[in-house]
PDB file of all heavy atoms in Angstrom:
ATOM      1  N   PHE A   1       0.796  -1.191  -0.036  1.00  0.00           N
ATOM      2  CA  PHE A   1      -0.087  -0.030   0.036  1.00  0.00           C
ATOM      3  C   PHE A   1       0.822   1.216  -0.007  1.00  0.00           C
ATOM      4  O   PHE A   1       0.566   2.170  -0.750  1.00  0.00           O
ATOM      5  CB  PHE A   1      -0.897   0.006   1.231  1.00  0.00           C
ATOM      6  CG  PHE A   1      -1.844   1.148   1.287  1.00  0.00           C
ATOM      7  CD1 PHE A   1      -2.963   1.309   0.417  1.00  0.00           C
ATOM      8  CD2 PHE A   1      -1.539   2.254   2.207  1.00  0.00           C
ATOM      9  CE1 PHE A   1      -3.750   2.364   0.510  1.00  0.00           C
ATOM     10  CE2 PHE A   1      -2.439   3.362   2.262  1.00  0.00           C
ATOM     11  CZ  PHE A   1      -3.503   3.441   1.455  1.00  0.00           C
ATOM     12  N   THR A   2       1.864   1.303   0.840  1.00  0.00           N
ATOM     13  CA  THR A   2       2.761   2.352   0.922  1.00  0.00           C
ATOM     14  C   THR A   2       3.532   2.678  -0.415  1.00  0.00           C
ATOM     15  O   THR A   2       3.642   3.777  -0.909  1.00  0.00           O
ATOM     16  CB  THR A   2       3.830   2.232   2.058  1.00  0.00           C
ATOM     17  OG1 THR A   2       3.136   2.019   3.358  1.00  0.00           O
ATOM     18  CG2 THR A   2       4.783   3.455   2.186  1.00  0.00           C
ATOM     19  N   TYR A   3       3.894   1.542  -1.064  1.00  0.00           N
ATOM     20  CA  TYR A   3       4.629   1.575  -2.302  1.00  0.00           C
ATOM     21  C   TYR A   3       3.713   2.184  -3.439  1.00  0.00           C
ATOM     22  O   TYR A   3       4.163   3.139  -4.128  1.00  0.00           O
ATOM     23  CB  TYR A   3       5.135   0.237  -2.715  1.00  0.00           C
ATOM     24  CG  TYR A   3       5.774   0.110  -3.970  1.00  0.00           C
ATOM     25  CD1 TYR A   3       7.193   0.508  -4.103  1.00  0.00           C
ATOM     26  CD2 TYR A   3       5.210  -0.434  -5.162  1.00  0.00           C
ATOM     27  CE1 TYR A   3       7.856   0.372  -5.321  1.00  0.00           C
ATOM     28  CE2 TYR A   3       5.908  -0.480  -6.335  1.00  0.00           C
ATOM     29  CZ  TYR A   3       7.145  -0.026  -6.375  1.00  0.00           C
ATOM     30  OH  TYR A   3       7.848  -0.081  -7.640  1.00  0.00           O
ATOM     31  N   VAL A   4       2.431   1.673  -3.518  1.00  0.00           N
ATOM     32  CA  VAL A   4       1.641   2.174  -4.543  1.00  0.00           C
ATOM     33  C   VAL A   4       1.111   3.536  -4.337  1.00  0.00           C
ATOM     34  O   VAL A   4       0.962   4.414  -5.255  1.00  0.00           O
ATOM     35  CB  VAL A   4       0.390   1.168  -4.767  1.00  0.00           C
ATOM     36  CG1 VAL A   4      -0.559   1.366  -3.547  1.00  0.00           C
ATOM     37  CG2 VAL A   4      -0.263   1.394  -6.049  1.00  0.00           C
ATOM     38  N   LYS A   5       0.922   3.984  -3.032  1.00  0.00           N
ATOM     39  CA  LYS A   5       0.585   5.332  -2.764  1.00  0.00           C
ATOM     40  C   LYS A   5       1.723   6.248  -3.111  1.00  0.00           C
ATOM     41  O   LYS A   5       1.542   7.402  -3.715  1.00  0.00           O
ATOM     42  CB  LYS A   5       0.340   5.466  -1.269  1.00  0.00           C
ATOM     43  CG  LYS A   5      -0.197   6.838  -0.780  1.00  0.00           C
ATOM     44  CD  LYS A   5      -0.481   6.873   0.651  1.00  0.00           C
ATOM     45  CE  LYS A   5      -0.993   8.268   1.044  1.00  0.00           C
ATOM     46  NZ  LYS A   5      -1.398   8.394   2.443  1.00  0.00           N
ATOM     47  N   GLY A   6       3.092   5.894  -2.962  1.00  0.00           N
ATOM     48  CA  GLY A   6       4.141   6.709  -3.336  1.00  0.00           C
ATOM     49  C   GLY A   6       4.094   6.851  -4.806  1.00  0.00           C
ATOM     50  O   GLY A   6       4.627   7.961  -5.354  1.00  0.00           O
ATOM     51  N   LEU A   7       3.865   5.860  -5.498  1.00  0.00           N
ATOM     52  CA  LEU A   7       3.798   5.881  -7.102  1.00  0.00           C
ATOM     53  C   LEU A   7       2.760   6.733  -7.634  1.00  0.00           C
ATOM     54  O   LEU A   7       2.905   7.066  -8.876  1.00  0.00           O
ATOM     55  CB  LEU A   7       3.743   4.547  -7.608  1.00  0.00           C
ATOM     56  CG  LEU A   7       4.958   3.539  -7.496  1.00  0.00           C
ATOM     57  CD1 LEU A   7       4.730   2.257  -8.103  1.00  0.00           C
ATOM     58  CD2 LEU A   7       6.234   4.166  -8.045  1.00  0.00           C
ATOM     59  N   THR A   8       1.807   7.051  -6.900  1.00  0.00           N
ATOM     60  CA  THR A   8       0.737   7.998  -7.369  1.00  0.00           C
ATOM     61  C   THR A   8       1.177   9.436  -7.692  1.00  0.00           C
ATOM     62  O   THR A   8       0.535  10.219  -8.287  1.00  0.00           O
ATOM     63  CB  THR A   8      -0.555   8.100  -6.381  1.00  0.00           C
ATOM     64  OG1 THR A   8      -0.036   8.609  -5.061  1.00  0.00           O
ATOM     65  CG2 THR A   8      -1.073   6.685  -6.262  1.00  0.00           C
ATOM     66  N   VAL A   9       2.347   9.725  -7.204  1.00  0.00           N
ATOM     67  CA  VAL A   9       3.035  11.000  -7.579  1.00  0.00           C
ATOM     68  C   VAL A   9       4.353  10.848  -8.253  1.00  0.00           C
ATOM     69  O   VAL A   9       5.225  11.645  -8.274  1.00  0.00           O
ATOM     70  CB  VAL A   9       3.325  11.811  -6.258  1.00  0.00           C
ATOM     71  CG1 VAL A   9       1.965  12.186  -5.536  1.00  0.00           C
ATOM     72  CG2 VAL A   9       4.162  11.042  -5.188  1.00  0.00           C
ATOM     73  N   ALA A  10       4.415   9.633  -9.041  1.00  0.00           N
ATOM     74  CA  ALA A  10       5.608   9.449  -9.853  1.00  0.00           C
ATOM     75  C   ALA A  10       5.717  10.425 -11.027  1.00  0.00           C
ATOM     76  O   ALA A  10       4.681  10.975 -11.429  1.00  0.00           O
ATOM     77  CB  ALA A  10       5.629   7.918 -10.361  1.00  0.00           C
ATOM     78  N   ASP A  11       7.007  10.622 -11.478  1.00  0.00           N
ATOM     79  CA  ASP A  11       7.181  11.460 -12.614  1.00  0.00           C
ATOM     80  C   ASP A  11       6.645  10.870 -13.885  1.00  0.00           C
ATOM     81  O   ASP A  11       6.149  11.580 -14.816  1.00  0.00           O
ATOM     82  CB  ASP A  11       8.735  11.801 -12.701  1.00  0.00           C
ATOM     83  CG  ASP A  11       9.253  12.611 -11.506  1.00  0.00           C
ATOM     84  OD1 ASP A  11       8.426  13.322 -10.924  1.00  0.00           O
ATOM     85  OD2 ASP A  11      10.449  12.446 -11.211  1.00  0.00           O
ATOM     86  N   GLU A  12       6.841   9.544 -13.984  1.00  0.00           N
ATOM     87  CA  GLU A  12       6.364   8.961 -15.269  1.00  0.00           C
ATOM     88  C   GLU A  12       4.795   8.850 -15.298  1.00  0.00           C
ATOM     89  O   GLU A  12       4.212   8.211 -14.408  1.00  0.00           O
ATOM     90  CB  GLU A  12       6.888   7.491 -15.322  1.00  0.00           C
ATOM     91  CG  GLU A  12       8.441   7.478 -15.369  1.00  0.00           C
ATOM     92  CD  GLU A  12       9.120   7.347 -13.986  1.00  0.00           C
ATOM     93  OE1 GLU A  12       8.257   7.625 -13.036  1.00  0.00           O
ATOM     94  OE2 GLU A  12      10.252   7.083 -13.829  1.00  0.00           O
ATOM     95  N   ALA A  13       4.197   9.439 -16.381  1.00  0.00           N
ATOM     96  CA  ALA A  13       2.794   9.506 -16.389  1.00  0.00           C
ATOM     97  C   ALA A  13       2.112   8.172 -16.396  1.00  0.00           C
ATOM     98  O   ALA A  13       1.039   8.038 -15.746  1.00  0.00           O
ATOM     99  CB  ALA A  13       2.415  10.366 -17.666  1.00  0.00           C
ATOM    100  N   ASP A  14       2.623   7.188 -17.206  1.00  0.00           N
ATOM    101  CA  ASP A  14       2.068   5.909 -17.310  1.00  0.00           C
ATOM    102  C   ASP A  14       2.088   5.180 -15.954  1.00  0.00           C
ATOM    103  O   ASP A  14       1.197   4.500 -15.560  1.00  0.00           O
ATOM    104  CB  ASP A  14       2.621   5.038 -18.336  1.00  0.00           C
ATOM    105  CG  ASP A  14       4.082   4.824 -18.203  1.00  0.00           C
ATOM    106  OD1 ASP A  14       4.806   5.631 -17.454  1.00  0.00           O
ATOM    107  OD2 ASP A  14       4.720   3.897 -18.758  1.00  0.00           O
ATOM    108  N   VAL A  15       3.226   5.297 -15.174  1.00  0.00           N
ATOM    109  CA  VAL A  15       3.271   4.676 -13.899  1.00  0.00           C
ATOM    110  C   VAL A  15       2.390   5.372 -12.888  1.00  0.00           C
ATOM    111  O   VAL A  15       1.759   4.654 -12.165  1.00  0.00           O
ATOM    112  CB  VAL A  15       4.841   4.786 -13.377  1.00  0.00           C
ATOM    113  CG1 VAL A  15       4.880   4.286 -11.924  1.00  0.00           C
ATOM    114  CG2 VAL A  15       5.724   4.005 -14.289  1.00  0.00           C
ATOM    115  N   LYS A  16       2.295   6.683 -12.966  1.00  0.00           N
ATOM    116  CA  LYS A  16       1.491   7.393 -11.992  1.00  0.00           C
ATOM    117  C   LYS A  16       0.013   7.007 -12.255  1.00  0.00           C
ATOM    118  O   LYS A  16      -0.751   6.790 -11.337  1.00  0.00           O
ATOM    119  CB  LYS A  16       1.619   8.894 -12.350  1.00  0.00           C
ATOM    120  CG  LYS A  16       0.703   9.809 -11.399  1.00  0.00           C
ATOM    121  CD  LYS A  16       0.943  11.254 -11.771  1.00  0.00           C
ATOM    122  CE  LYS A  16       0.161  12.166 -10.946  1.00  0.00           C
ATOM    123  NZ  LYS A  16       0.407  13.597 -11.072  1.00  0.00           N
ATOM    124  N   THR A  17      -0.483   6.839 -13.497  1.00  0.00           N
ATOM    125  CA  THR A  17      -1.846   6.480 -13.834  1.00  0.00           C
ATOM    126  C   THR A  17      -2.116   4.996 -13.310  1.00  0.00           C
ATOM    127  O   THR A  17      -3.221   4.790 -12.838  1.00  0.00           O
ATOM    128  CB  THR A  17      -1.992   6.569 -15.342  1.00  0.00           C
ATOM    129  OG1 THR A  17      -1.763   7.953 -15.855  1.00  0.00           O
ATOM    130  CG2 THR A  17      -3.461   6.157 -15.725  1.00  0.00           C
ATOM    131  N   ALA A  18      -1.222   4.224 -13.629  1.00  0.00           N
ATOM    132  CA  ALA A  18      -1.312   2.777 -13.152  1.00  0.00           C
ATOM    133  C   ALA A  18      -1.487   2.714 -11.569  1.00  0.00           C
ATOM    134  O   ALA A  18      -2.240   1.934 -11.147  1.00  0.00           O
ATOM    135  CB  ALA A  18      -0.115   1.993 -13.712  1.00  0.00           C
ATOM    136  N   ALA A  19      -0.542   3.410 -10.939  1.00  0.00           N
ATOM    137  CA  ALA A  19      -0.540   3.399  -9.506  1.00  0.00           C
ATOM    138  C   ALA A  19      -1.825   3.964  -9.042  1.00  0.00           C
ATOM    139  O   ALA A  19      -2.402   3.413  -7.901  1.00  0.00           O
ATOM    140  CB  ALA A  19       0.576   4.212  -8.937  1.00  0.00           C
ATOM    141  N   GLN A  20      -2.381   5.028  -9.571  1.00  0.00           N
ATOM    142  CA  GLN A  20      -3.657   5.629  -9.167  1.00  0.00           C
ATOM    143  C   GLN A  20      -4.763   4.642  -9.232  1.00  0.00           C
ATOM    144  O   GLN A  20      -5.699   4.584  -8.464  1.00  0.00           O
ATOM    145  CB  GLN A  20      -3.860   6.925  -9.889  1.00  0.00           C
ATOM    146  CG  GLN A  20      -5.105   7.711  -9.377  1.00  0.00           C
ATOM    147  CD  GLN A  20      -4.812   8.260  -7.973  1.00  0.00           C
ATOM    148  OE1 GLN A  20      -3.747   8.913  -7.764  1.00  0.00           O
ATOM    149  NE2 GLN A  20      -5.623   8.066  -7.018  1.00  0.00           N
ATOM    150  N   LYS A  21      -4.681   3.906 -10.378  1.00  0.00           N
ATOM    151  CA  LYS A  21      -5.829   2.800 -10.596  1.00  0.00           C
ATOM    152  C   LYS A  21      -5.821   1.812  -9.519  1.00  0.00           C
ATOM    153  O   LYS A  21      -6.864   1.450  -9.006  1.00  0.00           O
ATOM    154  CB  LYS A  21      -5.604   2.215 -11.962  1.00  0.00           C
ATOM    155  CG  LYS A  21      -6.708   1.229 -12.338  1.00  0.00           C
ATOM    156  CD  LYS A  21      -6.467   0.620 -13.831  1.00  0.00           C
ATOM    157  CE  LYS A  21      -7.647  -0.317 -14.104  1.00  0.00           C
ATOM    158  NZ  LYS A  21      -7.400  -0.819 -15.427  1.00  0.00           N
ATOM    159  N   ILE A  22      -4.642   1.382  -9.134  1.00  0.00           N
ATOM    160  CA  ILE A  22      -4.499   0.315  -8.175  1.00  0.00           C
ATOM    161  C   ILE A  22      -4.877   0.888  -6.722  1.00  0.00           C
ATOM    162  O   ILE A  22      -5.642   0.328  -5.937  1.00  0.00           O
ATOM    163  CB  ILE A  22      -3.090  -0.221  -8.058  1.00  0.00           C
ATOM    164  CG1 ILE A  22      -2.772  -0.971  -9.345  1.00  0.00           C
ATOM    165  CG2 ILE A  22      -2.964  -1.090  -6.847  1.00  0.00           C
ATOM    166  CD1 ILE A  22      -1.359  -1.396  -9.445  1.00  0.00           C
ATOM    167  N   TYR A  23      -4.415   2.218  -6.432  1.00  0.00           N
ATOM    168  CA  TYR A  23      -4.700   2.881  -5.190  1.00  0.00           C
ATOM    169  C   TYR A  23      -6.147   3.040  -5.038  1.00  0.00           C
ATOM    170  O   TYR A  23      -6.734   2.753  -3.921  1.00  0.00           O
ATOM    171  CB  TYR A  23      -3.988   4.213  -5.154  1.00  0.00           C
ATOM    172  CG  TYR A  23      -4.219   4.912  -3.905  1.00  0.00           C
ATOM    173  CD1 TYR A  23      -3.547   4.714  -2.733  1.00  0.00           C
ATOM    174  CD2 TYR A  23      -5.185   5.968  -3.808  1.00  0.00           C
ATOM    175  CE1 TYR A  23      -3.675   5.394  -1.540  1.00  0.00           C
ATOM    176  CE2 TYR A  23      -5.355   6.667  -2.625  1.00  0.00           C
ATOM    177  CZ  TYR A  23      -4.710   6.401  -1.545  1.00  0.00           C
ATOM    178  OH  TYR A  23      -4.928   7.056  -0.329  1.00  0.00           O
ATOM    179  N   ASP A  24      -6.797   3.473  -6.097  1.00  0.00           N
ATOM    180  CA  ASP A  24      -8.316   3.700  -6.002  1.00  0.00           C
ATOM    181  C   ASP A  24      -9.079   2.430  -5.725  1.00  0.00           C
ATOM    182  O   ASP A  24     -10.126   2.438  -4.997  1.00  0.00           O
ATOM    183  CB  ASP A  24      -8.827   4.324  -7.428  1.00  0.00           C
ATOM    184  CG  ASP A  24      -8.368   5.733  -7.599  1.00  0.00           C
ATOM    185  OD1 ASP A  24      -7.845   6.394  -6.565  1.00  0.00           O
ATOM    186  OD2 ASP A  24      -8.425   6.147  -8.693  1.00  0.00           O
ATOM    187  N   GLU A  25      -8.623   1.318  -6.289  1.00  0.00           N
ATOM    188  CA  GLU A  25      -9.238   0.119  -6.007  1.00  0.00           C
ATOM    189  C   GLU A  25      -9.082  -0.341  -4.644  1.00  0.00           C
ATOM    190  O   GLU A  25     -10.088  -0.901  -3.997  1.00  0.00           O
ATOM    191  CB  GLU A  25      -8.681  -1.094  -7.066  1.00  0.00           C
ATOM    192  CG  GLU A  25      -9.295  -2.396  -6.915  1.00  0.00           C
ATOM    193  CD  GLU A  25     -10.815  -2.348  -7.409  1.00  0.00           C
ATOM    194  OE1 GLU A  25     -11.229  -1.316  -8.109  1.00  0.00           O
ATOM    195  OE2 GLU A  25     -11.505  -3.218  -7.044  1.00  0.00           O
ATOM    196  N   ILE A  26      -7.952  -0.263  -4.125  1.00  0.00           N
ATOM    197  CA  ILE A  26      -7.682  -0.745  -2.691  1.00  0.00           C
ATOM    198  C   ILE A  26      -8.507   0.185  -1.706  1.00  0.00           C
ATOM    199  O   ILE A  26      -9.063  -0.291  -0.804  1.00  0.00           O
ATOM    200  CB  ILE A  26      -6.182  -0.514  -2.417  1.00  0.00           C
ATOM    201  CG1 ILE A  26      -5.383  -1.561  -3.190  1.00  0.00           C
ATOM    202  CG2 ILE A  26      -5.922  -0.712  -0.786  1.00  0.00           C
ATOM    203  CD1 ILE A  26      -3.753  -1.388  -2.925  1.00  0.00           C
ATOM    204  N   SER A  27      -8.556   1.500  -2.101  1.00  0.00           N
ATOM    205  CA  SER A  27      -9.308   2.448  -1.247  1.00  0.00           C
ATOM    206  C   SER A  27     -10.750   2.189  -1.134  1.00  0.00           C
ATOM    207  O   SER A  27     -11.425   2.565  -0.200  1.00  0.00           O
ATOM    208  CB  SER A  27      -9.117   3.887  -1.818  1.00  0.00           C
ATOM    209  OG  SER A  27      -7.751   4.325  -1.857  1.00  0.00           O
ATOM    210  N   LYS A  28     -11.297   1.395  -2.143  1.00  0.00           N
ATOM    211  CA  LYS A  28     -12.749   1.078  -2.031  1.00  0.00           C
ATOM    212  C   LYS A  28     -13.035   0.305  -0.790  1.00  0.00           C
ATOM    213  O   LYS A  28     -14.223   0.205  -0.339  1.00  0.00           O
ATOM    214  CB  LYS A  28     -13.102   0.154  -3.339  1.00  0.00           C
ATOM    215  CG  LYS A  28     -13.173   1.059  -4.597  1.00  0.00           C
ATOM    216  CD  LYS A  28     -13.544   0.119  -5.731  1.00  0.00           C
ATOM    217  CE  LYS A  28     -13.550   0.779  -7.099  1.00  0.00           C
ATOM    218  NZ  LYS A  28     -13.911  -0.012  -8.079  1.00  0.00           N
ATOM    219  N   PHE A  29     -12.010  -0.420  -0.224  1.00  0.00           N
ATOM    220  CA  PHE A  29     -12.234  -1.360   0.842  1.00  0.00           C
ATOM    221  C   PHE A  29     -11.782  -0.716   2.258  1.00  0.00           C
ATOM    222  O   PHE A  29     -11.817  -1.362   3.224  1.00  0.00           O
ATOM    223  CB  PHE A  29     -11.315  -2.687   0.662  1.00  0.00           C
ATOM    224  CG  PHE A  29     -11.666  -3.353  -0.543  1.00  0.00           C
ATOM    225  CD1 PHE A  29     -10.997  -3.215  -1.806  1.00  0.00           C
ATOM    226  CD2 PHE A  29     -12.827  -4.206  -0.579  1.00  0.00           C
ATOM    227  CE1 PHE A  29     -11.353  -3.890  -2.894  1.00  0.00           C
ATOM    228  CE2 PHE A  29     -13.179  -4.877  -1.873  1.00  0.00           C
ATOM    229  CZ  PHE A  29     -12.398  -4.688  -2.924  1.00  0.00           C
ATOM    230  N   GLY A  30     -11.575   0.619   2.047  1.00  0.00           N
ATOM    231  CA  GLY A  30     -11.124   1.386   3.310  1.00  0.00           C
ATOM    232  C   GLY A  30      -9.722   1.571   3.447  1.00  0.00           C
ATOM    233  O   GLY A  30      -8.896   0.867   2.852  1.00  0.00           O
TER     234      GLY A  30
END
């Protein structure tokens, strides 16, 4: 969780988008 949250502010746009997608999915569960 910490790793993917950190990647949501990554410089690479594709990595940032991918991380945000995963982060949003995890967040659905609290």
